[in-house]
Amino acid sequence: MDKDIKLLDVVALTEDIDEYGLWQGQVGTIVEVLSGGQAFEVEFCDREGRIYESVGLRPNQFIVLHYAPITNV
């Protein structure tokens, strides 16, 4: 599993996922680690918190968003 990706991380799509109506830049949350960290279940919610899509994605399809400075370890 990529050590930078963990449950409840907020992520943004880096590409369109046409079959699900998801577009580059849409924001979701990691809710499950799949295939030993080779994929992740990401939920996409509206402003009221209602899930409108849940999709398994590979790490190259999204970036993890950070809300604080990242320190090098």
PDB file of N, CA and C in Angstrom:
ATOM      1  N   MET A   1       0.835  -1.183   0.000  1.00  0.00           N
ATOM      2  CA  MET A   1       0.000   0.000   0.000  1.00  0.00           C
ATOM      3  C   MET A   1       0.875   1.239   0.000  1.00  0.00           C
ATOM      4  N   ASP A   2       0.513   2.231  -0.782  1.00  0.00           N
ATOM      5  CA  ASP A   2       1.242   3.490  -0.801  1.00  0.00           C
ATOM      6  C   ASP A   2       1.135   4.122   0.581  1.00  0.00           C
ATOM      7  N   LYS A   3       2.284   4.410   1.212  1.00  0.00           N
ATOM      8  CA  LYS A   3       2.260   4.906   2.585  1.00  0.00           C
ATOM      9  C   LYS A   3       1.610   6.276   2.719  1.00  0.00           C
ATOM     10  N   ASP A   4       1.441   7.007   1.611  1.00  0.00           N
ATOM     11  CA  ASP A   4       0.835   8.333   1.667  1.00  0.00           C
ATOM     12  C   ASP A   4      -0.683   8.289   1.541  1.00  0.00           C
ATOM     13  N   ILE A   5      -1.248   7.154   1.222  1.00  0.00           N
ATOM     14  CA  ILE A   5      -2.697   7.039   1.037  1.00  0.00           C
ATOM     15  C   ILE A   5      -3.271   6.198   2.175  1.00  0.00           C
ATOM     16  N   LYS A   6      -4.278   6.765   2.874  1.00  0.00           N
ATOM     17  CA  LYS A   6      -4.866   6.030   3.994  1.00  0.00           C
ATOM     18  C   LYS A   6      -6.374   6.291   4.061  1.00  0.00           C
ATOM     19  N   LEU A   7      -7.054   5.491   4.857  1.00  0.00           N
ATOM     20  CA  LEU A   7      -8.493   5.661   5.015  1.00  0.00           C
ATOM     21  C   LEU A   7      -8.836   7.089   5.431  1.00  0.00           C
ATOM     22  N   LEU A   8      -9.906   7.597   4.886  1.00  0.00           N
ATOM     23  CA  LEU A   8     -10.483   8.913   5.155  1.00  0.00           C
ATOM     24  C   LEU A   8      -9.682  10.064   4.557  1.00  0.00           C
ATOM     25  N   ASP A   9      -8.638   9.770   3.764  1.00  0.00           N
ATOM     26  CA  ASP A   9      -7.960  10.842   3.037  1.00  0.00           C
ATOM     27  C   ASP A   9      -8.932  11.467   2.052  1.00  0.00           C
ATOM     28  N   VAL A  10      -8.838  12.766   1.889  1.00  0.00           N
ATOM     29  CA  VAL A  10      -9.610  13.487   0.887  1.00  0.00           C
ATOM     30  C   VAL A  10      -8.764  13.533  -0.380  1.00  0.00           C
ATOM     31  N   VAL A  11      -9.383  13.174  -1.514  1.00  0.00           N
ATOM     32  CA  VAL A  11      -8.648  13.085  -2.775  1.00  0.00           C
ATOM     33  C   VAL A  11      -9.387  13.840  -3.872  1.00  0.00           C
ATOM     34  N   ALA A  12      -8.661  14.155  -4.940  1.00  0.00           N
ATOM     35  CA  ALA A  12      -9.256  14.778  -6.120  1.00  0.00           C
ATOM     36  C   ALA A  12      -8.884  13.955  -7.345  1.00  0.00           C
ATOM     37  N   LEU A  13      -9.831  13.759  -8.240  1.00  0.00           N
ATOM     38  CA  LEU A  13      -9.581  13.000  -9.463  1.00  0.00           C
ATOM     39  C   LEU A  13      -8.584  13.722 -10.359  1.00  0.00           C
ATOM     40  N   THR A  14      -7.706  12.956 -10.981  1.00  0.00           N
ATOM     41  CA  THR A  14      -6.753  13.524 -11.935  1.00  0.00           C
ATOM     42  C   THR A  14      -7.176  13.248 -13.373  1.00  0.00           C
ATOM     43  N   GLU A  15      -8.296  12.567 -13.533  1.00  0.00           N
ATOM     44  CA  GLU A  15      -8.817  12.263 -14.864  1.00  0.00           C
ATOM     45  C   GLU A  15     -10.330  12.107 -14.794  1.00  0.00           C
ATOM     46  N   ASP A  16     -10.970  12.218 -15.955  1.00  0.00           N
ATOM     47  CA  ASP A  16     -12.412  11.982 -16.036  1.00  0.00           C
ATOM     48  C   ASP A  16     -12.681  10.479 -15.944  1.00  0.00           C
ATOM     49  N   ILE A  17     -13.777  10.111 -15.297  1.00  0.00           N
ATOM     50  CA  ILE A  17     -14.259   8.725 -15.253  1.00  0.00           C
ATOM     51  C   ILE A  17     -15.662   8.776 -15.868  1.00  0.00           C
ATOM     52  N   ASP A  18     -15.696   8.815 -17.195  1.00  0.00           N
ATOM     53  CA  ASP A  18     -16.937   9.041 -17.943  1.00  0.00           C
ATOM     54  C   ASP A  18     -18.073   8.100 -17.556  1.00  0.00           C
ATOM     55  N   GLU A  19     -17.766   6.809 -17.382  1.00  0.00           N
ATOM     56  CA  GLU A  19     -18.836   5.839 -17.127  1.00  0.00           C
ATOM     57  C   GLU A  19     -19.555   6.073 -15.809  1.00  0.00           C
ATOM     58  N   TYR A  20     -18.956   6.861 -14.916  1.00  0.00           N
ATOM     59  CA  TYR A  20     -19.592   7.189 -13.636  1.00  0.00           C
ATOM     60  C   TYR A  20     -20.005   8.661 -13.546  1.00  0.00           C
ATOM     61  N   GLY A  21     -19.791   9.407 -14.615  1.00  0.00           N
ATOM     62  CA  GLY A  21     -20.141  10.825 -14.594  1.00  0.00           C
ATOM     63  C   GLY A  21     -19.272  11.632 -13.646  1.00  0.00           C
ATOM     64  N   LEU A  22     -18.023  11.209 -13.474  1.00  0.00           N
ATOM     65  CA  LEU A  22     -17.084  11.914 -12.601  1.00  0.00           C
ATOM     66  C   LEU A  22     -16.037  12.608 -13.460  1.00  0.00           C
ATOM     67  N   TRP A  23     -15.623  13.786 -13.025  1.00  0.00           N
ATOM     68  CA  TRP A  23     -14.727  14.596 -13.843  1.00  0.00           C
ATOM     69  C   TRP A  23     -13.487  15.011 -13.060  1.00  0.00           C
ATOM     70  N   GLN A  24     -12.419  15.233 -13.804  1.00  0.00           N
ATOM     71  CA  GLN A  24     -11.163  15.662 -13.199  1.00  0.00           C
ATOM     72  C   GLN A  24     -11.424  16.816 -12.232  1.00  0.00           C
ATOM     73  N   GLY A  25     -10.844  16.723 -11.032  1.00  0.00           N
ATOM     74  CA  GLY A  25     -11.003  17.762 -10.022  1.00  0.00           C
ATOM     75  C   GLY A  25     -12.080  17.484  -8.994  1.00  0.00           C
ATOM     76  N   GLN A  26     -12.988  16.532  -9.276  1.00  0.00           N
ATOM     77  CA  GLN A  26     -14.001  16.220  -8.274  1.00  0.00           C
ATOM     78  C   GLN A  26     -13.341  15.619  -7.045  1.00  0.00           C
ATOM     79  N   VAL A  27     -13.906  15.939  -5.882  1.00  0.00           N
ATOM     80  CA  VAL A  27     -13.315  15.568  -4.599  1.00  0.00           C
ATOM     81  C   VAL A  27     -14.108  14.438  -3.962  1.00  0.00           C
ATOM     82  N   GLY A  28     -13.375  13.453  -3.426  1.00  0.00           N
ATOM     83  CA  GLY A  28     -13.986  12.323  -2.739  1.00  0.00           C
ATOM     84  C   GLY A  28     -13.166  11.935  -1.518  1.00  0.00           C
ATOM     85  N   THR A  29     -13.599  10.866  -0.859  1.00  0.00           N
ATOM     86  CA  THR A  29     -12.945  10.388   0.362  1.00  0.00           C
ATOM     87  C   THR A  29     -12.625   8.905   0.234  1.00  0.00           C
ATOM     88  N   ILE A  30     -11.409   8.512   0.628  1.00  0.00           N
ATOM     89  CA  ILE A  30     -11.013   7.103   0.642  1.00  0.00           C
ATOM     90  C   ILE A  30     -11.798   6.410   1.763  1.00  0.00           C
ATOM     91  N   VAL A  31     -12.570   5.368   1.412  1.00  0.00           N
ATOM     92  CA  VAL A  31     -13.359   4.660   2.425  1.00  0.00           C
ATOM     93  C   VAL A  31     -12.954   3.199   2.573  1.00  0.00           C
ATOM     94  N   GLU A  32     -12.118   2.704   1.665  1.00  0.00           N
ATOM     95  CA  GLU A  32     -11.663   1.318   1.780  1.00  0.00           C
ATOM     96  C   GLU A  32     -10.398   1.121   0.961  1.00  0.00           C
ATOM     97  N   VAL A  33      -9.510   0.292   1.512  1.00  0.00           N
ATOM     98  CA  VAL A  33      -8.289  -0.106   0.806  1.00  0.00           C
ATOM     99  C   VAL A  33      -8.583  -1.439   0.128  1.00  0.00           C
ATOM    100  N   LEU A  34      -8.321  -1.520  -1.182  1.00  0.00           N
ATOM    101  CA  LEU A  34      -8.608  -2.721  -1.958  1.00  0.00           C
ATOM    102  C   LEU A  34      -7.321  -3.328  -2.512  1.00  0.00           C
ATOM    103  N   SER A  35      -7.326  -4.616  -2.723  1.00  0.00           N
ATOM    104  CA  SER A  35      -6.203  -5.318  -3.363  1.00  0.00           C
ATOM    105  C   SER A  35      -4.861  -4.982  -2.736  1.00  0.00           C
ATOM    106  N   GLY A  36      -4.824  -4.964  -1.405  1.00  0.00           N
ATOM    107  CA  GLY A  36      -3.570  -4.706  -0.712  1.00  0.00           C
ATOM    108  C   GLY A  36      -2.962  -3.352  -0.999  1.00  0.00           C
ATOM    109  N   GLY A  37      -3.798  -2.358  -1.293  1.00  0.00           N
ATOM    110  CA  GLY A  37      -3.308  -1.011  -1.554  1.00  0.00           C
ATOM    111  C   GLY A  37      -3.077  -0.710  -3.026  1.00  0.00           C
ATOM    112  N   GLN A  38      -3.460  -1.645  -3.890  1.00  0.00           N
ATOM    113  CA  GLN A  38      -3.343  -1.409  -5.335  1.00  0.00           C
ATOM    114  C   GLN A  38      -4.521  -0.601  -5.866  1.00  0.00           C
ATOM    115  N   ALA A  39      -5.588  -0.525  -5.073  1.00  0.00           N
ATOM    116  CA  ALA A  39      -6.782   0.238  -5.446  1.00  0.00           C
ATOM    117  C   ALA A  39      -7.460   0.716  -4.166  1.00  0.00           C
ATOM    118  N   PHE A  40      -8.368   1.688  -4.325  1.00  0.00           N
ATOM    119  CA  PHE A  40      -9.048   2.287  -3.183  1.00  0.00           C
ATOM    120  C   PHE A  40     -10.484   2.587  -3.556  1.00  0.00           C
ATOM    121  N   GLU A  41     -11.413   2.327  -2.625  1.00  0.00           N
ATOM    122  CA  GLU A  41     -12.807   2.713  -2.818  1.00  0.00           C
ATOM    123  C   GLU A  41     -12.930   4.178  -2.405  1.00  0.00           C
ATOM    124  N   VAL A  42     -13.454   4.980  -3.312  1.00  0.00           N
ATOM    125  CA  VAL A  42     -13.590   6.419  -3.068  1.00  0.00           C
ATOM    126  C   VAL A  42     -15.064   6.791  -3.170  1.00  0.00           C
ATOM    127  N   GLU A  43     -15.580   7.455  -2.133  1.00  0.00           N
ATOM    128  CA  GLU A  43     -16.962   7.931  -2.140  1.00  0.00           C
ATOM    129  C   GLU A  43     -16.989   9.403  -2.506  1.00  0.00           C
ATOM    130  N   PHE A  44     -17.961   9.761  -3.318  1.00  0.00           N
ATOM    131  CA  PHE A  44     -18.194  11.148  -3.714  1.00  0.00           C
ATOM    132  C   PHE A  44     -19.551  11.567  -3.167  1.00  0.00           C
ATOM    133  N   CYS A  45     -19.578  12.681  -2.437  1.00  0.00           N
ATOM    134  CA  CYS A  45     -20.792  13.151  -1.769  1.00  0.00           C
ATOM    135  C   CYS A  45     -21.154  14.554  -2.241  1.00  0.00           C
ATOM    136  N   ASP A  46     -22.448  14.884  -2.125  1.00  0.00           N
ATOM    137  CA  ASP A  46     -22.882  16.246  -2.428  1.00  0.00           C
ATOM    138  C   ASP A  46     -22.696  17.130  -1.188  1.00  0.00           C
ATOM    139  N   ARG A  47     -23.089  18.367  -1.276  1.00  0.00           N
ATOM    140  CA  ARG A  47     -22.885  19.317  -0.170  1.00  0.00           C
ATOM    141  C   ARG A  47     -23.662  18.961   1.094  1.00  0.00           C
ATOM    142  N   GLU A  48     -24.697  18.143   0.946  1.00  0.00           N
ATOM    143  CA  GLU A  48     -25.478  17.707   2.110  1.00  0.00           C
ATOM    144  C   GLU A  48     -24.945  16.396   2.680  1.00  0.00           C
ATOM    145  N   GLY A  49     -23.865  15.861   2.115  1.00  0.00           N
ATOM    146  CA  GLY A  49     -23.265  14.640   2.609  1.00  0.00           C
ATOM    147  C   GLY A  49     -23.865  13.360   2.060  1.00  0.00           C
ATOM    148  N   ARG A  50     -24.734  13.477   1.047  1.00  0.00           N
ATOM    149  CA  ARG A  50     -25.335  12.297   0.429  1.00  0.00           C
ATOM    150  C   ARG A  50     -24.384  11.728  -0.624  1.00  0.00           C
ATOM    151  N   ILE A  51     -24.117  10.433  -0.534  1.00  0.00           N
ATOM    152  CA  ILE A  51     -23.226   9.782  -1.498  1.00  0.00           C
ATOM    153  C   ILE A  51     -23.926   9.705  -2.848  1.00  0.00           C
ATOM    154  N   TYR A  52     -23.253  10.187  -3.895  1.00  0.00           N
ATOM    155  CA  TYR A  52     -23.817  10.054  -5.227  1.00  0.00           C
ATOM    156  C   TYR A  52     -23.023   9.085  -6.093  1.00  0.00           C
ATOM    157  N   GLU A  53     -21.826   8.682  -5.643  1.00  0.00           N
ATOM    158  CA  GLU A  53     -21.066   7.661  -6.367  1.00  0.00           C
ATOM    159  C   GLU A  53     -20.008   7.072  -5.453  1.00  0.00           C
ATOM    160  N   SER A  54     -19.747   5.789  -5.621  1.00  0.00           N
ATOM    161  CA  SER A  54     -18.692   5.094  -4.900  1.00  0.00           C
ATOM    162  C   SER A  54     -17.976   4.214  -5.915  1.00  0.00           C
ATOM    163  N   VAL A  55     -16.674   4.440  -6.089  1.00  0.00           N
ATOM    164  CA  VAL A  55     -15.939   3.814  -7.185  1.00  0.00           C
ATOM    165  C   VAL A  55     -14.586   3.310  -6.702  1.00  0.00           C
ATOM    166  N   GLY A  56     -14.167   2.146  -7.200  1.00  0.00           N
ATOM    167  CA  GLY A  56     -12.818   1.658  -6.959  1.00  0.00           C
ATOM    168  C   GLY A  56     -11.869   2.327  -7.939  1.00  0.00           C
ATOM    169  N   LEU A  57     -10.811   2.945  -7.416  1.00  0.00           N
ATOM    170  CA  LEU A  57      -9.849   3.670  -8.256  1.00  0.00           C
ATOM    171  C   LEU A  57      -8.425   3.236  -7.963  1.00  0.00           C
ATOM    172  N   ARG A  58      -7.577   3.352  -8.976  1.00  0.00           N
ATOM    173  CA  ARG A  58      -6.146   3.122  -8.807  1.00  0.00           C
ATOM    174  C   ARG A  58      -5.498   4.422  -8.343  1.00  0.00           C
ATOM    175  N   PRO A  59      -4.374   4.339  -7.630  1.00  0.00           N
ATOM    176  CA  PRO A  59      -3.727   5.548  -7.099  1.00  0.00           C
ATOM    177  C   PRO A  59      -3.344   6.582  -8.167  1.00  0.00           C
ATOM    178  N   ASN A  60      -3.130   6.155  -9.404  1.00  0.00           N
ATOM    179  CA  ASN A  60      -2.770   7.115 -10.456  1.00  0.00           C
ATOM    180  C   ASN A  60      -3.977   7.898 -10.976  1.00  0.00           C
ATOM    181  N   GLN A  61      -5.180   7.597 -10.460  1.00  0.00           N
ATOM    182  CA  GLN A  61      -6.383   8.302 -10.902  1.00  0.00           C
ATOM    183  C   GLN A  61      -6.773   9.452  -9.979  1.00  0.00           C
ATOM    184  N   PHE A  62      -6.025   9.646  -8.890  1.00  0.00           N
ATOM    185  CA  PHE A  62      -6.346  10.723  -7.951  1.00  0.00           C
ATOM    186  C   PHE A  62      -5.090  11.204  -7.248  1.00  0.00           C
ATOM    187  N   ILE A  63      -5.216  12.366  -6.616  1.00  0.00           N
ATOM    188  CA  ILE A  63      -4.155  12.874  -5.744  1.00  0.00           C
ATOM    189  C   ILE A  63      -4.754  13.094  -4.363  1.00  0.00           C
ATOM    190  N   VAL A  64      -3.936  12.907  -3.341  1.00  0.00           N
ATOM    191  CA  VAL A  64      -4.362  13.164  -1.963  1.00  0.00           C
ATOM    192  C   VAL A  64      -4.247  14.663  -1.722  1.00  0.00           C
ATOM    193  N   LEU A  65      -5.291  15.258  -1.148  1.00  0.00           N
ATOM    194  CA  LEU A  65      -5.289  16.682  -0.825  1.00  0.00           C
ATOM    195  C   LEU A  65      -4.773  16.879   0.594  1.00  0.00           C
ATOM    196  N   HIS A  66      -3.996  17.924   0.794  1.00  0.00           N
ATOM    197  CA  HIS A  66      -3.413  18.215   2.103  1.00  0.00           C
ATOM    198  C   HIS A  66      -3.869  19.603   2.547  1.00  0.00           C
ATOM    199  N   TYR A  67      -4.258  19.715   3.789  1.00  0.00           N
ATOM    200  CA  TYR A  67      -4.751  20.991   4.326  1.00  0.00           C
ATOM    201  C   TYR A  67      -3.765  21.651   5.259  1.00  0.00           C
ATOM    202  N   ALA A  68      -2.601  21.052   5.429  1.00  0.00           N
ATOM    203  CA  ALA A  68      -1.566  21.604   6.295  1.00  0.00           C
ATOM    204  C   ALA A  68      -0.224  21.373   5.621  1.00  0.00           C
ATOM    205  N   PRO A  69       0.794  22.088   6.033  1.00  0.00           N
ATOM    206  CA  PRO A  69       2.118  21.868   5.448  1.00  0.00           C
ATOM    207  C   PRO A  69       2.548  20.409   5.632  1.00  0.00           C
ATOM    208  N   ILE A  70       3.228  19.903   4.632  1.00  0.00           N
ATOM    209  CA  ILE A  70       3.732  18.541   4.686  1.00  0.00           C
ATOM    210  C   ILE A  70       5.193  18.597   5.112  1.00  0.00           C
ATOM    211  N   THR A  71       5.542  17.817   6.114  1.00  0.00           N
ATOM    212  CA  THR A  71       6.925  17.774   6.552  1.00  0.00           C
ATOM    213  C   THR A  71       7.591  16.526   5.975  1.00  0.00           C
ATOM    214  N   ASN A  72       8.819  16.663   5.557  1.00  0.00           N
ATOM    215  CA  ASN A  72       9.573  15.495   5.033  1.00  0.00           C
ATOM    216  C   ASN A  72       9.977  14.614   6.191  1.00  0.00           C
ATOM    217  N   VAL A  73       9.745  13.334   6.033  1.00  0.00           N
ATOM    218  CA  VAL A  73      10.064  12.382   7.096  1.00  0.00           C
ATOM    219  C   VAL A  73      11.328  11.648   6.741  1.00  0.00           C
TER     220      VAL A  73
END
